[in-house]
PDB file of all heavy atoms in Angstrom:
ATOM      1  N   ASN A   1      19.711   4.977  -0.475  1.00  0.00           N
ATOM      2  CA  ASN A   1      18.593   5.589  -1.305  1.00  0.00           C
ATOM      3  C   ASN A   1      17.727   4.480  -1.916  1.00  0.00           C
ATOM      4  O   ASN A   1      16.570   4.602  -2.001  1.00  0.00           O
ATOM      5  CB  ASN A   1      19.287   6.458  -2.370  1.00  0.00           C
ATOM      6  CG  ASN A   1      19.911   7.645  -1.797  1.00  0.00           C
ATOM      7  OD1 ASN A   1      19.503   8.090  -0.714  1.00  0.00           O
ATOM      8  ND2 ASN A   1      20.815   8.279  -2.527  1.00  0.00           N
ATOM      9  N   SER A   2      18.371   3.451  -2.296  1.00  0.00           N
ATOM     10  CA  SER A   2      17.648   2.361  -2.917  1.00  0.00           C
ATOM     11  C   SER A   2      16.654   1.559  -1.845  1.00  0.00           C
ATOM     12  O   SER A   2      15.551   1.240  -2.122  1.00  0.00           O
ATOM     13  CB  SER A   2      18.571   1.352  -3.599  1.00  0.00           C
ATOM     14  OG  SER A   2      19.357   0.734  -2.679  1.00  0.00           O
ATOM     15  N   GLN A   3      17.304   1.520  -0.674  1.00  0.00           N
ATOM     16  CA  GLN A   3      16.510   0.926   0.411  1.00  0.00           C
ATOM     17  C   GLN A   3      15.245   1.792   0.738  1.00  0.00           C
ATOM     18  O   GLN A   3      14.187   1.387   0.955  1.00  0.00           O
ATOM     19  CB  GLN A   3      17.400   0.734   1.717  1.00  0.00           C
ATOM     20  CG  GLN A   3      18.291  -0.492   1.485  1.00  0.00           C
ATOM     21  CD  GLN A   3      19.070  -0.748   2.809  1.00  0.00           C
ATOM     22  OE1 GLN A   3      19.150   0.115   3.643  1.00  0.00           O
ATOM     23  NE2 GLN A   3      19.625  -1.980   3.005  1.00  0.00           N
ATOM     24  N   ARG A   4      15.588   3.161   0.757  1.00  0.00           N
ATOM     25  CA  ARG A   4      14.471   4.081   1.131  1.00  0.00           C
ATOM     26  C   ARG A   4      13.465   4.005   0.111  1.00  0.00           C
ATOM     27  O   ARG A   4      12.222   3.975   0.375  1.00  0.00           O
ATOM     28  CB  ARG A   4      15.069   5.535   1.224  1.00  0.00           C
ATOM     29  CG  ARG A   4      14.090   6.456   1.711  1.00  0.00           C
ATOM     30  CD  ARG A   4      14.644   7.919   1.809  1.00  0.00           C
ATOM     31  NE  ARG A   4      15.762   7.905   2.730  1.00  0.00           N
ATOM     32  CZ  ARG A   4      17.062   8.154   2.248  1.00  0.00           C
ATOM     33  NH1 ARG A   4      17.271   8.263   0.952  1.00  0.00           N
ATOM     34  NH2 ARG A   4      18.113   8.146   2.999  1.00  0.00           N
ATOM     35  N   ASN A   5      13.849   3.972  -1.233  1.00  0.00           N
ATOM     36  CA  ASN A   5      12.802   3.930  -2.261  1.00  0.00           C
ATOM     37  C   ASN A   5      12.045   2.710  -2.239  1.00  0.00           C
ATOM     38  O   ASN A   5      10.874   2.683  -2.495  1.00  0.00           O
ATOM     39  CB  ASN A   5      13.605   3.965  -3.677  1.00  0.00           C
ATOM     40  CG  ASN A   5      14.176   5.417  -3.872  1.00  0.00           C
ATOM     41  OD1 ASN A   5      13.699   6.369  -3.182  1.00  0.00           O
ATOM     42  ND2 ASN A   5      15.184   5.406  -4.612  1.00  0.00           N
ATOM     43  N   ARG A   6      12.731   1.496  -1.874  1.00  0.00           N
ATOM     44  CA  ARG A   6      11.973   0.310  -1.759  1.00  0.00           C
ATOM     45  C   ARG A   6      11.020   0.228  -0.656  1.00  0.00           C
ATOM     46  O   ARG A   6       9.919  -0.380  -0.771  1.00  0.00           O
ATOM     47  CB  ARG A   6      13.080  -0.926  -1.604  1.00  0.00           C
ATOM     48  CG  ARG A   6      12.437  -2.258  -1.789  1.00  0.00           C
ATOM     49  CD  ARG A   6      13.479  -3.367  -1.632  1.00  0.00           C
ATOM     50  NE  ARG A   6      14.504  -3.343  -2.574  1.00  0.00           N
ATOM     51  CZ  ARG A   6      15.862  -2.822  -2.350  1.00  0.00           C
ATOM     52  NH1 ARG A   6      16.132  -2.617  -1.159  1.00  0.00           N
ATOM     53  NH2 ARG A   6      16.701  -2.813  -3.315  1.00  0.00           N
ATOM     54  N   LEU A   7      11.335   0.825   0.575  1.00  0.00           N
ATOM     55  CA  LEU A   7      10.446   0.979   1.552  1.00  0.00           C
ATOM     56  C   LEU A   7       9.221   1.861   1.221  1.00  0.00           C
ATOM     57  O   LEU A   7       8.172   1.405   1.539  1.00  0.00           O
ATOM     58  CB  LEU A   7      11.245   1.511   2.746  1.00  0.00           C
ATOM     59  CG  LEU A   7      10.346   1.652   4.123  1.00  0.00           C
ATOM     60  CD1 LEU A   7       9.970   0.289   4.537  1.00  0.00           C
ATOM     61  CD2 LEU A   7      11.240   2.263   5.189  1.00  0.00           C
ATOM     62  N   GLN A   8       9.503   2.872   0.571  1.00  0.00           N
ATOM     63  CA  GLN A   8       8.353   3.698   0.149  1.00  0.00           C
ATOM     64  C   GLN A   8       7.350   2.976  -0.830  1.00  0.00           C
ATOM     65  O   GLN A   8       6.138   3.050  -0.748  1.00  0.00           O
ATOM     66  CB  GLN A   8       8.953   4.972  -0.581  1.00  0.00           C
ATOM     67  CG  GLN A   8       9.532   5.964   0.349  1.00  0.00           C
ATOM     68  CD  GLN A   8      10.085   7.156  -0.245  1.00  0.00           C
ATOM     69  OE1 GLN A   8      10.066   7.370  -1.526  1.00  0.00           O
ATOM     70  NE2 GLN A   8      10.668   8.190   0.450  1.00  0.00           N
ATOM     71  N   GLN A   9       8.016   2.246  -1.779  1.00  0.00           N
ATOM     72  CA  GLN A   9       7.140   1.503  -2.663  1.00  0.00           C
ATOM     73  C   GLN A   9       6.365   0.419  -1.845  1.00  0.00           C
ATOM     74  O   GLN A   9       5.156   0.173  -2.217  1.00  0.00           O
ATOM     75  CB  GLN A   9       8.132   0.809  -3.737  1.00  0.00           C
ATOM     76  CG  GLN A   9       8.747   1.729  -4.752  1.00  0.00           C
ATOM     77  CD  GLN A   9       9.720   1.073  -5.688  1.00  0.00           C
ATOM     78  OE1 GLN A   9       9.830  -0.115  -5.615  1.00  0.00           O
ATOM     79  NE2 GLN A   9      10.244   1.830  -6.630  1.00  0.00           N
ATOM     80  N   ASN A  10       6.968  -0.270  -0.983  1.00  0.00           N
ATOM     81  CA  ASN A  10       6.312  -1.221  -0.145  1.00  0.00           C
ATOM     82  C   ASN A  10       5.112  -0.633   0.617  1.00  0.00           C
ATOM     83  O   ASN A  10       3.975  -1.195   0.786  1.00  0.00           O
ATOM     84  CB  ASN A  10       7.303  -1.909   0.765  1.00  0.00           C
ATOM     85  CG  ASN A  10       8.254  -2.882   0.008  1.00  0.00           C
ATOM     86  OD1 ASN A  10       7.997  -3.174  -1.102  1.00  0.00           O
ATOM     87  ND2 ASN A  10       9.369  -3.127   0.732  1.00  0.00           N
ATOM     88  N   ASN A  11       5.403   0.515   1.063  1.00  0.00           N
ATOM     89  CA  ASN A  11       4.357   1.355   1.889  1.00  0.00           C
ATOM     90  C   ASN A  11       3.156   1.722   0.973  1.00  0.00           C
ATOM     91  O   ASN A  11       1.987   1.547   1.384  1.00  0.00           O
ATOM     92  CB  ASN A  11       4.906   2.474   2.579  1.00  0.00           C
ATOM     93  CG  ASN A  11       5.905   2.179   3.739  1.00  0.00           C
ATOM     94  OD1 ASN A  11       5.777   1.104   4.300  1.00  0.00           O
ATOM     95  ND2 ASN A  11       6.823   3.048   4.009  1.00  0.00           N
ATOM     96  N   HIS A  12       3.551   2.164  -0.192  1.00  0.00           N
ATOM     97  CA  HIS A  12       2.578   2.538  -1.228  1.00  0.00           C
ATOM     98  C   HIS A  12       1.639   1.180  -1.525  1.00  0.00           C
ATOM     99  O   HIS A  12       0.403   1.300  -1.594  1.00  0.00           O
ATOM    100  CB  HIS A  12       3.098   3.135  -2.423  1.00  0.00           C
ATOM    101  CG  HIS A  12       3.504   4.565  -2.167  1.00  0.00           C
ATOM    102  ND1 HIS A  12       2.745   5.644  -1.542  1.00  0.00           N
ATOM    103  CD2 HIS A  12       4.811   5.169  -2.479  1.00  0.00           C
ATOM    104  CE1 HIS A  12       3.433   6.672  -1.526  1.00  0.00           C
ATOM    105  NE2 HIS A  12       4.635   6.491  -2.095  1.00  0.00           N
ATOM    106  N   ALA A  13       2.367   0.182  -1.811  1.00  0.00           N
ATOM    107  CA  ALA A  13       1.635  -1.124  -2.045  1.00  0.00           C
ATOM    108  C   ALA A  13       0.734  -1.582  -0.979  1.00  0.00           C
ATOM    109  O   ALA A  13      -0.395  -2.000  -1.251  1.00  0.00           O
ATOM    110  CB  ALA A  13       2.710  -2.138  -2.443  1.00  0.00           C
ATOM    111  N   LEU A  14       1.296  -1.443   0.276  1.00  0.00           N
ATOM    112  CA  LEU A  14       0.417  -1.906   1.386  1.00  0.00           C
ATOM    113  C   LEU A  14      -0.828  -0.978   1.559  1.00  0.00           C
ATOM    114  O   LEU A  14      -1.819  -1.527   1.820  1.00  0.00           O
ATOM    115  CB  LEU A  14       1.363  -1.838   2.649  1.00  0.00           C
ATOM    116  CG  LEU A  14       0.652  -2.245   3.947  1.00  0.00           C
ATOM    117  CD1 LEU A  14       0.180  -3.799   3.901  1.00  0.00           C
ATOM    118  CD2 LEU A  14       1.576  -2.130   5.120  1.00  0.00           C
ATOM    119  N   PHE A  15      -0.479   0.368   1.362  1.00  0.00           N
ATOM    120  CA  PHE A  15      -1.679   1.256   1.521  1.00  0.00           C
ATOM    121  C   PHE A  15      -2.751   0.984   0.493  1.00  0.00           C
ATOM    122  O   PHE A  15      -3.935   1.043   0.731  1.00  0.00           O
ATOM    123  CB  PHE A  15      -1.200   2.696   1.465  1.00  0.00           C
ATOM    124  CG  PHE A  15      -2.293   3.814   1.489  1.00  0.00           C
ATOM    125  CD1 PHE A  15      -2.766   4.167   2.642  1.00  0.00           C
ATOM    126  CD2 PHE A  15      -2.636   4.321   0.081  1.00  0.00           C
ATOM    127  CE1 PHE A  15      -3.801   5.151   2.556  1.00  0.00           C
ATOM    128  CE2 PHE A  15      -3.662   5.316   0.229  1.00  0.00           C
ATOM    129  CZ  PHE A  15      -4.259   5.667   1.416  1.00  0.00           C
ATOM    130  N   SER A  16      -2.312   0.742  -0.767  1.00  0.00           N
ATOM    131  CA  SER A  16      -3.204   0.477  -1.885  1.00  0.00           C
ATOM    132  C   SER A  16      -4.043  -0.856  -1.596  1.00  0.00           C
ATOM    133  O   SER A  16      -5.223  -0.892  -1.784  1.00  0.00           O
ATOM    134  CB  SER A  16      -2.466   0.174  -3.213  1.00  0.00           C
ATOM    135  OG  SER A  16      -1.679   1.414  -3.523  1.00  0.00           O
ATOM    136  N   ARG A  17      -3.369  -1.846  -1.056  1.00  0.00           N
ATOM    137  CA  ARG A  17      -4.042  -3.039  -0.784  1.00  0.00           C
ATOM    138  C   ARG A  17      -5.064  -2.815   0.426  1.00  0.00           C
ATOM    139  O   ARG A  17      -6.153  -3.410   0.289  1.00  0.00           O
ATOM    140  CB  ARG A  17      -3.104  -4.208  -0.361  1.00  0.00           C
ATOM    141  CG  ARG A  17      -2.214  -4.655  -1.448  1.00  0.00           C
ATOM    142  CD  ARG A  17      -1.160  -5.591  -1.023  1.00  0.00           C
ATOM    143  NE  ARG A  17      -0.234  -6.031  -2.070  1.00  0.00           N
ATOM    144  CZ  ARG A  17       0.753  -6.900  -1.923  1.00  0.00           C
ATOM    145  NH1 ARG A  17       1.109  -7.351  -0.690  1.00  0.00           N
ATOM    146  NH2 ARG A  17       1.526  -7.165  -3.010  1.00  0.00           N
ATOM    147  N   VAL A  18      -4.661  -2.119   1.419  1.00  0.00           N
ATOM    148  CA  VAL A  18      -5.506  -1.799   2.541  1.00  0.00           C
ATOM    149  C   VAL A  18      -6.782  -1.030   2.020  1.00  0.00           C
ATOM    150  O   VAL A  18      -8.025  -1.273   2.432  1.00  0.00           O
ATOM    151  CB  VAL A  18      -4.889  -1.082   3.626  1.00  0.00           C
ATOM    152  CG1 VAL A  18      -5.872  -0.608   4.775  1.00  0.00           C
ATOM    153  CG2 VAL A  18      -3.759  -2.040   4.229  1.00  0.00           C
ATOM    154  N   PHE A  19      -6.525  -0.173   1.190  1.00  0.00           N
ATOM    155  CA  PHE A  19      -7.562   0.762   0.673  1.00  0.00           C
ATOM    156  C   PHE A  19      -8.567  -0.003  -0.244  1.00  0.00           C
ATOM    157  O   PHE A  19      -9.791   0.028  -0.065  1.00  0.00           O
ATOM    158  CB  PHE A  19      -6.977   1.909  -0.180  1.00  0.00           C
ATOM    159  CG  PHE A  19      -8.035   2.756  -0.916  1.00  0.00           C
ATOM    160  CD1 PHE A  19      -8.719   3.760  -0.032  1.00  0.00           C
ATOM    161  CD2 PHE A  19      -8.371   2.686  -2.240  1.00  0.00           C
ATOM    162  CE1 PHE A  19      -9.662   4.576  -0.594  1.00  0.00           C
ATOM    163  CE2 PHE A  19      -9.323   3.474  -2.716  1.00  0.00           C
ATOM    164  CZ  PHE A  19     -10.029   4.463  -1.979  1.00  0.00           C
ATOM    165  N   VAL A  20      -7.926  -0.966  -1.040  1.00  0.00           N
ATOM    166  CA  VAL A  20      -8.920  -1.830  -1.868  1.00  0.00           C
ATOM    167  C   VAL A  20      -9.734  -2.794  -0.966  1.00  0.00           C
ATOM    168  O   VAL A  20     -10.943  -2.919  -1.242  1.00  0.00           O
ATOM    169  CB  VAL A  20      -8.124  -2.534  -2.877  1.00  0.00           C
ATOM    170  CG1 VAL A  20      -8.967  -3.539  -3.609  1.00  0.00           C
ATOM    171  CG2 VAL A  20      -7.491  -1.513  -3.882  1.00  0.00           C
ATOM    172  N   PHE A  21      -9.000  -3.233  -0.020  1.00  0.00           N
ATOM    173  CA  PHE A  21      -9.727  -4.204   0.952  1.00  0.00           C
ATOM    174  C   PHE A  21     -10.859  -3.432   1.713  1.00  0.00           C
ATOM    175  O   PHE A  21     -12.004  -3.959   1.907  1.00  0.00           O
ATOM    176  CB  PHE A  21      -8.731  -4.643   2.036  1.00  0.00           C
ATOM    177  CG  PHE A  21      -9.276  -5.790   2.930  1.00  0.00           C
ATOM    178  CD1 PHE A  21      -9.710  -7.002   2.505  1.00  0.00           C
ATOM    179  CD2 PHE A  21      -9.558  -5.485   4.218  1.00  0.00           C
ATOM    180  CE1 PHE A  21     -10.267  -7.935   3.419  1.00  0.00           C
ATOM    181  CE2 PHE A  21     -10.170  -6.317   5.103  1.00  0.00           C
ATOM    182  CZ  PHE A  21     -10.431  -7.692   4.653  1.00  0.00           C
ATOM    183  N   ASN A  22     -10.643  -2.325   2.066  1.00  0.00           N
ATOM    184  CA  ASN A  22     -11.677  -1.458   2.806  1.00  0.00           C
ATOM    185  C   ASN A  22     -12.822  -1.203   1.802  1.00  0.00           C
ATOM    186  O   ASN A  22     -14.042  -1.250   2.260  1.00  0.00           O
ATOM    187  CB  ASN A  22     -11.072  -0.235   3.329  1.00  0.00           C
ATOM    188  CG  ASN A  22     -10.120  -0.404   4.485  1.00  0.00           C
ATOM    189  OD1 ASN A  22     -10.392  -1.505   5.275  1.00  0.00           O
ATOM    190  ND2 ASN A  22      -9.209   0.481   4.823  1.00  0.00           N
ATOM    191  N   CYS A  23     -12.476  -0.900   0.652  1.00  0.00           N
ATOM    192  CA  CYS A  23     -13.629  -0.488  -0.225  1.00  0.00           C
ATOM    193  C   CYS A  23     -14.420  -1.878  -0.497  1.00  0.00           C
ATOM    194  O   CYS A  23     -15.662  -1.730  -0.651  1.00  0.00           O
ATOM    195  CB  CYS A  23     -12.943  -0.115  -1.685  1.00  0.00           C
ATOM    196  SG  CYS A  23     -12.209   1.559  -1.484  1.00  0.00           S
ATOM    197  N   ILE A  24     -13.884  -2.987  -0.563  1.00  0.00           N
ATOM    198  CA  ILE A  24     -14.475  -4.239  -0.790  1.00  0.00           C
ATOM    199  C   ILE A  24     -15.376  -4.516   0.337  1.00  0.00           C
ATOM    200  O   ILE A  24     -16.553  -4.976   0.260  1.00  0.00           O
ATOM    201  CB  ILE A  24     -13.581  -5.420  -1.110  1.00  0.00           C
ATOM    202  CG1 ILE A  24     -12.862  -5.173  -2.437  1.00  0.00           C
ATOM    203  CG2 ILE A  24     -14.246  -6.769  -1.125  1.00  0.00           C
ATOM    204  CD1 ILE A  24     -11.850  -6.145  -2.756  1.00  0.00           C
ATOM    205  N   ILE A  25     -14.939  -4.301   1.582  1.00  0.00           N
ATOM    206  CA  ILE A  25     -15.706  -4.561   2.813  1.00  0.00           C
ATOM    207  C   ILE A  25     -16.867  -3.559   2.883  1.00  0.00           C
ATOM    208  O   ILE A  25     -18.041  -4.003   3.194  1.00  0.00           O
ATOM    209  CB  ILE A  25     -14.722  -4.361   4.062  1.00  0.00           C
ATOM    210  CG1 ILE A  25     -13.681  -5.505   4.087  1.00  0.00           C
ATOM    211  CG2 ILE A  25     -15.646  -4.504   5.333  1.00  0.00           C
ATOM    212  CD1 ILE A  25     -14.195  -6.892   4.134  1.00  0.00           C
ATOM    213  N   ASN A  26     -16.652  -2.274   2.517  1.00  0.00           N
ATOM    214  CA  ASN A  26     -17.754  -1.405   2.655  1.00  0.00           C
ATOM    215  C   ASN A  26     -18.811  -1.666   1.555  1.00  0.00           C
ATOM    216  O   ASN A  26     -20.012  -1.558   1.936  1.00  0.00           O
ATOM    217  CB  ASN A  26     -17.257   0.036   2.308  1.00  0.00           C
ATOM    218  CG  ASN A  26     -16.343   0.609   3.541  1.00  0.00           C
ATOM    219  OD1 ASN A  26     -16.570   0.126   4.640  1.00  0.00           O
ATOM    220  ND2 ASN A  26     -15.361   1.453   3.198  1.00  0.00           N
ATOM    221  N   GLU A  27     -18.365  -2.116   0.375  1.00  0.00           N
ATOM    222  CA  GLU A  27     -19.354  -2.491  -0.604  1.00  0.00           C
ATOM    223  C   GLU A  27     -20.186  -3.743  -0.228  1.00  0.00           C
ATOM    224  O   GLU A  27     -21.361  -3.794  -0.492  1.00  0.00           O
ATOM    225  CB  GLU A  27     -18.621  -2.712  -1.956  1.00  0.00           C
ATOM    226  CG  GLU A  27     -19.520  -3.049  -3.165  1.00  0.00           C
ATOM    227  CD  GLU A  27     -20.353  -1.850  -3.581  1.00  0.00           C
ATOM    228  OE1 GLU A  27     -19.973  -0.666  -3.257  1.00  0.00           O
ATOM    229  OE2 GLU A  27     -21.418  -2.084  -4.192  1.00  0.00           O
TER     230      GLU A  27
END
């Protein structure tokens, strides 16, 4: 369960970074 939660947190962090990077590129 802890591994699953850590993987989900990493995915959320990666998605946030990609989203912010895309916003910066579009701007």
